């Protein structure tokens, strides 16, 4: 999962989105409302991928412990924007790019839907098992949206923010989550976040 991180934009995005709520941990604070745009998914077998993006957003919202609230917004005003692309344009599994939205920092997230460009082992299993394919797309949404919220890569294999640059059994990384699913709707109930992911999200900025 390749991400174009510019350190200054990365830091400012984290402060913009999470700083106010995290700074007042001793008092209840209203959630930070983040306008979000999710592009329509391609037609055909991928038309339901929008559900995967929405479930990913819901996972981060729950993980924030009430600090974040995602609200639908038009593309031109959204601070977080998610788009569906093929692997050649997504940089592998996905990519996050910092953007400026007026006076605010935001992020564009790109999620790959072309399993054939992710290597033969993953492609074969994704074509044979639809839930494995949806696992890949969902976890990529969660990972890249995590970057959009200001989280960096980790070297812990259990984390959703783990970087594949550290190696390991990548098909197995997705298979571990896939084993939790009996039906597609189970994705909405299985965040895919580790305790460390949640802790990192809630760290004061």
Foldseek 3Di string as FASTA:
>chain_A
DDEDDDPVLLVQLLCVQQAVCLVPVVDDDAAREFEEEEDQFDDDPCRCLVVLLVLLVVLVCVLQVRNHDYDYDDPLQGQEYEDEDACVVQVAQHYKDWDDRDPGIGIYIYGHLHQVRNDDVRSVVCVVDVLLSSLSRNLSSNQRVLSRNNDAADCDLQASSHDCVNPDDVSVSSVVVSVQDPDPVCCSVDNSGDPVSSVVSSDHD
